[in-house]
C-alpha atoms as a PDB file:
ATOM      1  CA  MET A   1       0.455   0.057   0.222  1.00  0.00           C
ATOM      2  CA  ALA A   2       1.642   3.374  -0.677  1.00  0.00           C
ATOM      3  CA  ASN A   3       0.668   6.056   2.189  1.00  0.00           C
ATOM      4  CA  ALA A   4       0.021   9.330   1.773  1.00  0.00           C
ATOM      5  CA  SER A   5      -0.525  12.998   3.703  1.00  0.00           C
ATOM      6  CA  SER A   6      -3.876  13.762   2.720  1.00  0.00           C
ATOM      7  CA  GLY A   7      -7.229  11.791   1.901  1.00  0.00           C
ATOM      8  CA  ALA A   8      -6.611   7.929   1.188  1.00  0.00           C
ATOM      9  CA  GLY A   9      -3.849   5.326   0.177  1.00  0.00           C
ATOM     10  CA  ILE A  10      -3.836   3.448  -2.807  1.00  0.00           C
ATOM     11  CA  HIS A  11      -3.319  -0.471  -2.884  1.00  0.00           C
ATOM     12  CA  ASP A  12      -0.654  -0.400  -5.357  1.00  0.00           C
ATOM     13  CA  ASP A  13      -3.161  -3.275  -7.050  1.00  0.00           C
ATOM     14  CA  CYS A  14      -4.842   0.154  -8.472  1.00  0.00           C
ATOM     15  CA  LYS A  15      -1.991   0.733 -10.941  1.00  0.00           C
ATOM     16  CA  LEU A  16      -1.283  -3.110 -11.767  1.00  0.00           C
ATOM     17  CA  ARG A  17      -4.787  -2.996 -12.737  1.00  0.00           C
ATOM     18  CA  PHE A  18      -4.936  -0.059 -15.383  1.00  0.00           C
ATOM     19  CA  VAL A  19      -1.532  -0.859 -17.013  1.00  0.00           C
ATOM     20  CA  GLU A  20      -3.598  -3.901 -18.082  1.00  0.00           C
ATOM     21  CA  LEU A  21      -5.781  -2.033 -19.490  1.00  0.00           C
ATOM     22  CA  LYS A  22      -3.913   0.718 -21.131  1.00  0.00           C
ATOM     23  CA  SER A  23      -1.682  -1.496 -22.440  1.00  0.00           C
ATOM     24  CA  LYS A  24      -2.087  -4.923 -23.127  1.00  0.00           C
ATOM     25  CA  ARG A  25      -6.246  -3.547 -22.954  1.00  0.00           C
ATOM     26  CA  MET A  26      -7.245  -6.192 -21.206  1.00  0.00           C
ATOM     27  CA  HIS A  27     -10.255  -4.443 -19.582  1.00  0.00           C
ATOM     28  CA  ARG A  28     -13.298  -2.996 -20.825  1.00  0.00           C
ATOM     29  CA  PHE A  29     -13.396  -0.725 -17.091  1.00  0.00           C
ATOM     30  CA  ILE A  30     -12.163  -0.644 -13.848  1.00  0.00           C
ATOM     31  CA  THR A  31     -13.428   0.858 -11.023  1.00  0.00           C
ATOM     32  CA  TYR A  32     -12.428   1.626  -7.390  1.00  0.00           C
ATOM     33  CA  ARG A  33     -13.798   1.243  -4.228  1.00  0.00           C
ATOM     34  CA  LEU A  34     -12.196   2.989  -1.038  1.00  0.00           C
ATOM     35  CA  GLU A  35     -11.926   0.272   2.232  1.00  0.00           C
ATOM     36  CA  ASN A  36     -12.987   1.212   5.416  1.00  0.00           C
ATOM     37  CA  GLN A  37     -12.481   5.427   3.945  1.00  0.00           C
ATOM     38  CA  LYS A  38      -8.546   4.284   3.966  1.00  0.00           C
ATOM     39  CA  GLU A  39      -7.564   2.506   1.117  1.00  0.00           C
ATOM     40  CA  VAL A  40      -8.534   3.307  -2.472  1.00  0.00           C
ATOM     41  CA  ILE A  41      -8.598  -0.897  -3.999  1.00  0.00           C
ATOM     42  CA  VAL A  42     -10.034  -2.235  -6.943  1.00  0.00           C
ATOM     43  CA  ASP A  43     -13.581  -2.812  -7.468  1.00  0.00           C
ATOM     44  CA  GLN A  44     -14.666  -4.230 -10.032  1.00  0.00           C
ATOM     45  CA  THR A  45     -13.404  -5.072 -13.519  1.00  0.00           C
ATOM     46  CA  GLY A  46     -15.104  -5.500 -16.732  1.00  0.00           C
ATOM     47  CA  GLU A  47     -13.878  -7.743 -19.480  1.00  0.00           C
ATOM     48  CA  ARG A  48     -13.341  -6.587 -22.935  1.00  0.00           C
ATOM     49  CA  GLU A  49     -16.890  -7.675 -24.688  1.00  0.00           C
ATOM     50  CA  ALA A  50     -18.972  -5.546 -22.021  1.00  0.00           C
ATOM     51  CA  THR A  51     -20.556  -2.708 -23.061  1.00  0.00           C
ATOM     52  CA  TYR A  52     -20.360   0.629 -21.228  1.00  0.00           C
ATOM     53  CA  GLU A  53     -24.437  -0.342 -19.771  1.00  0.00           C
ATOM     54  CA  ASP A  54     -22.290  -3.141 -19.048  1.00  0.00           C
ATOM     55  CA  PHE A  55     -19.980  -0.368 -16.765  1.00  0.00           C
ATOM     56  CA  THR A  56     -22.129   2.363 -15.293  1.00  0.00           C
ATOM     57  CA  LYS A  57     -24.767  -0.507 -14.037  1.00  0.00           C
ATOM     58  CA  THR A  58     -22.224  -1.277 -11.710  1.00  0.00           C
ATOM     59  CA  LEU A  59     -21.481   2.020 -10.468  1.00  0.00           C
ATOM     60  CA  PRO A  60     -23.874   2.806  -6.397  1.00  0.00           C
ATOM     61  CA  GLU A  61     -26.962   3.827  -6.563  1.00  0.00           C
ATOM     62  CA  ASN A  62     -25.758   6.205  -3.138  1.00  0.00           C
ATOM     63  CA  ASP A  63     -21.992   5.368  -2.801  1.00  0.00           C
ATOM     64  CA  CYS A  64     -18.796   6.558  -4.472  1.00  0.00           C
ATOM     65  CA  ARG A  65     -16.294   5.496  -7.153  1.00  0.00           C
ATOM     66  CA  PHE A  66     -13.437   6.102  -9.106  1.00  0.00           C
ATOM     67  CA  ALA A  67     -13.452   4.037 -12.160  1.00  0.00           C
ATOM     68  CA  VAL A  68     -12.012   4.586 -15.595  1.00  0.00           C
ATOM     69  CA  PHE A  69     -13.354   3.157 -19.140  1.00  0.00           C
ATOM     70  CA  ASP A  70     -11.566   2.110 -22.312  1.00  0.00           C
ATOM     71  CA  PHE A  71     -13.932   4.022 -25.340  1.00  0.00           C
ATOM     72  CA  ASP A  72     -13.938   2.659 -28.527  1.00  0.00           C
ATOM     73  CA  PHE A  73     -15.055   4.649 -30.960  1.00  0.00           C
ATOM     74  CA  THR A  74     -14.312   5.685 -34.880  1.00  0.00           C
ATOM     75  CA  THR A  75     -13.638   8.956 -36.674  1.00  0.00           C
ATOM     76  CA  PRO A  76     -15.728  10.671 -38.732  1.00  0.00           C
ATOM     77  CA  GLU A  77     -12.321  10.179 -41.348  1.00  0.00           C
ATOM     78  CA  ASP A  78     -13.624   6.443 -40.418  1.00  0.00           C
ATOM     79  CA  VAL A  79     -10.830   5.448 -38.310  1.00  0.00           C
ATOM     80  CA  PRO A  80     -10.903   3.798 -35.306  1.00  0.00           C
ATOM     81  CA  LYS A  81      -9.452   5.606 -31.692  1.00  0.00           C
ATOM     82  CA  SER A  82      -9.913   4.999 -28.416  1.00  0.00           C
ATOM     83  CA  ARG A  83      -9.588   7.486 -25.478  1.00  0.00           C
ATOM     84  CA  ILE A  84      -9.687   6.544 -21.523  1.00  0.00           C
ATOM     85  CA  PHE A  85     -12.353   8.264 -19.272  1.00  0.00           C
ATOM     86  CA  TYR A  86     -11.675   9.097 -15.753  1.00  0.00           C
ATOM     87  CA  ILE A  87     -14.227   9.436 -14.075  1.00  0.00           C
ATOM     88  CA  PHE A  88     -15.562  10.290 -10.772  1.00  0.00           C
ATOM     89  CA  TRP A  89     -19.220   9.567  -9.769  1.00  0.00           C
ATOM     90  CA  SER A  90     -19.821  11.072  -6.248  1.00  0.00           C
ATOM     91  CA  PRO A  91     -23.679  11.067  -6.329  1.00  0.00           C
ATOM     92  CA  ASP A  92     -26.165  13.041  -4.504  1.00  0.00           C
ATOM     93  CA  THR A  93     -27.847  10.470  -2.485  1.00  0.00           C
ATOM     94  CA  ALA A  94     -24.053   8.877  -1.457  1.00  0.00           C
ATOM     95  CA  LYS A  95     -23.240   9.816   2.197  1.00  0.00           C
ATOM     96  CA  VAL A  96     -20.994  13.551   3.369  1.00  0.00           C
ATOM     97  CA  ARG A  97     -18.505  11.888   4.637  1.00  0.00           C
ATOM     98  CA  SER A  98     -17.636   9.407   1.882  1.00  0.00           C
ATOM     99  CA  LYS A  99     -17.980  12.663  -0.614  1.00  0.00           C
ATOM    100  CA  MET A 100     -15.689  13.472   1.144  1.00  0.00           C
ATOM    101  CA  THR A 101     -13.185  10.931   1.721  1.00  0.00           C
ATOM    102  CA  TYR A 102     -13.170  10.542  -1.899  1.00  0.00           C
ATOM    103  CA  ALA A 103     -13.316  13.706  -3.189  1.00  0.00           C
ATOM    104  CA  SER A 104      -9.672  14.206  -0.246  1.00  0.00           C
ATOM    105  CA  THR A 105      -8.247  11.398  -1.945  1.00  0.00           C
ATOM    106  CA  ASN A 106      -9.511  12.090  -6.350  1.00  0.00           C
ATOM    107  CA  GLU A 107      -6.439  14.484  -7.538  1.00  0.00           C
ATOM    108  CA  LYS A 108      -3.600  12.149  -5.857  1.00  0.00           C
ATOM    109  CA  PHE A 109      -5.396   8.406  -7.458  1.00  0.00           C
ATOM    110  CA  LYS A 110      -5.608  10.260 -10.830  1.00  0.00           C
ATOM    111  CA  ARG A 111      -1.611  10.735 -10.943  1.00  0.00           C
ATOM    112  CA  THR A 112      -1.310   7.440 -10.339  1.00  0.00           C
ATOM    113  CA  LEU A 113      -2.616   6.316 -13.308  1.00  0.00           C
ATOM    114  CA  ASP A 114      -1.408   7.240 -16.208  1.00  0.00           C
ATOM    115  CA  GLY A 115      -2.532   8.246 -19.597  1.00  0.00           C
ATOM    116  CA  ILE A 116      -6.404   9.154 -17.922  1.00  0.00           C
ATOM    117  CA  GLN A 117      -7.131  11.120 -21.356  1.00  0.00           C
ATOM    118  CA  ILE A 118     -10.299  13.097 -20.372  1.00  0.00           C
ATOM    119  CA  GLU A 119     -11.850  13.956 -17.234  1.00  0.00           C
ATOM    120  CA  MET A 120     -14.899  13.460 -15.879  1.00  0.00           C
ATOM    121  CA  GLN A 121     -17.228  14.757 -12.046  1.00  0.00           C
ATOM    122  CA  ALA A 122     -20.500  12.843 -11.889  1.00  0.00           C
ATOM    123  CA  THR A 123     -23.161  13.058  -9.457  1.00  0.00           C
ATOM    124  CA  ASP A 124     -26.601  11.474 -11.571  1.00  0.00           C
ATOM    125  CA  PRO A 125     -26.253   8.982 -14.315  1.00  0.00           C
ATOM    126  CA  SER A 126     -27.247  11.462 -16.975  1.00  0.00           C
ATOM    127  CA  GLU A 127     -24.248  13.173 -16.860  1.00  0.00           C
ATOM    128  CA  ILE A 128     -22.242   9.977 -18.372  1.00  0.00           C
ATOM    129  CA  SER A 129     -24.679   8.738 -20.557  1.00  0.00           C
ATOM    130  CA  LEU A 130     -23.113   7.435 -23.355  1.00  0.00           C
ATOM    131  CA  ASP A 131     -24.496  10.814 -25.846  1.00  0.00           C
ATOM    132  CA  VAL A 132     -22.072  12.678 -23.233  1.00  0.00           C
ATOM    133  CA  ILE A 133     -19.294  10.241 -23.665  1.00  0.00           C
ATOM    134  CA  LYS A 134     -20.014   9.670 -27.846  1.00  0.00           C
ATOM    135  CA  GLU A 135     -18.996  13.896 -27.763  1.00  0.00           C
ATOM    136  CA  ARG A 136     -16.170  13.898 -24.724  1.00  0.00           C
ATOM    137  CA  ALA A 137     -14.651  11.762 -27.079  1.00  0.00           C
ATOM    138  CA  HIS A 138     -13.659  13.490 -30.404  1.00  0.00           C
END
């Protein structure tokens, strides 16, 4: 576990799974959660065949998560591309303490994931709908 001066610590497995997504393309998405408000750990991973809908279903209604999603798309010129999204999921219905701990850990955690291309924060599903993702990817 990496130690930190503010927010929670970050388990080494978090970065390893991200490298698997980014470089080896082993995962479509990864969600991360705070364990006991003290350490960020891998929550769930999605296989490469997973859809964006599969990913959004993993985000809890009443708790925060950090997540990365590898979004594949084709440009208007018919060129296949990919963008790695970082999403800080912080629903309005989450407990205040949880939102505060996630918020104080967010920047430090993002910095450990080298290769994020697009950052987003969302408080409800409409802010990260597939249409929004498609728009941000281009």
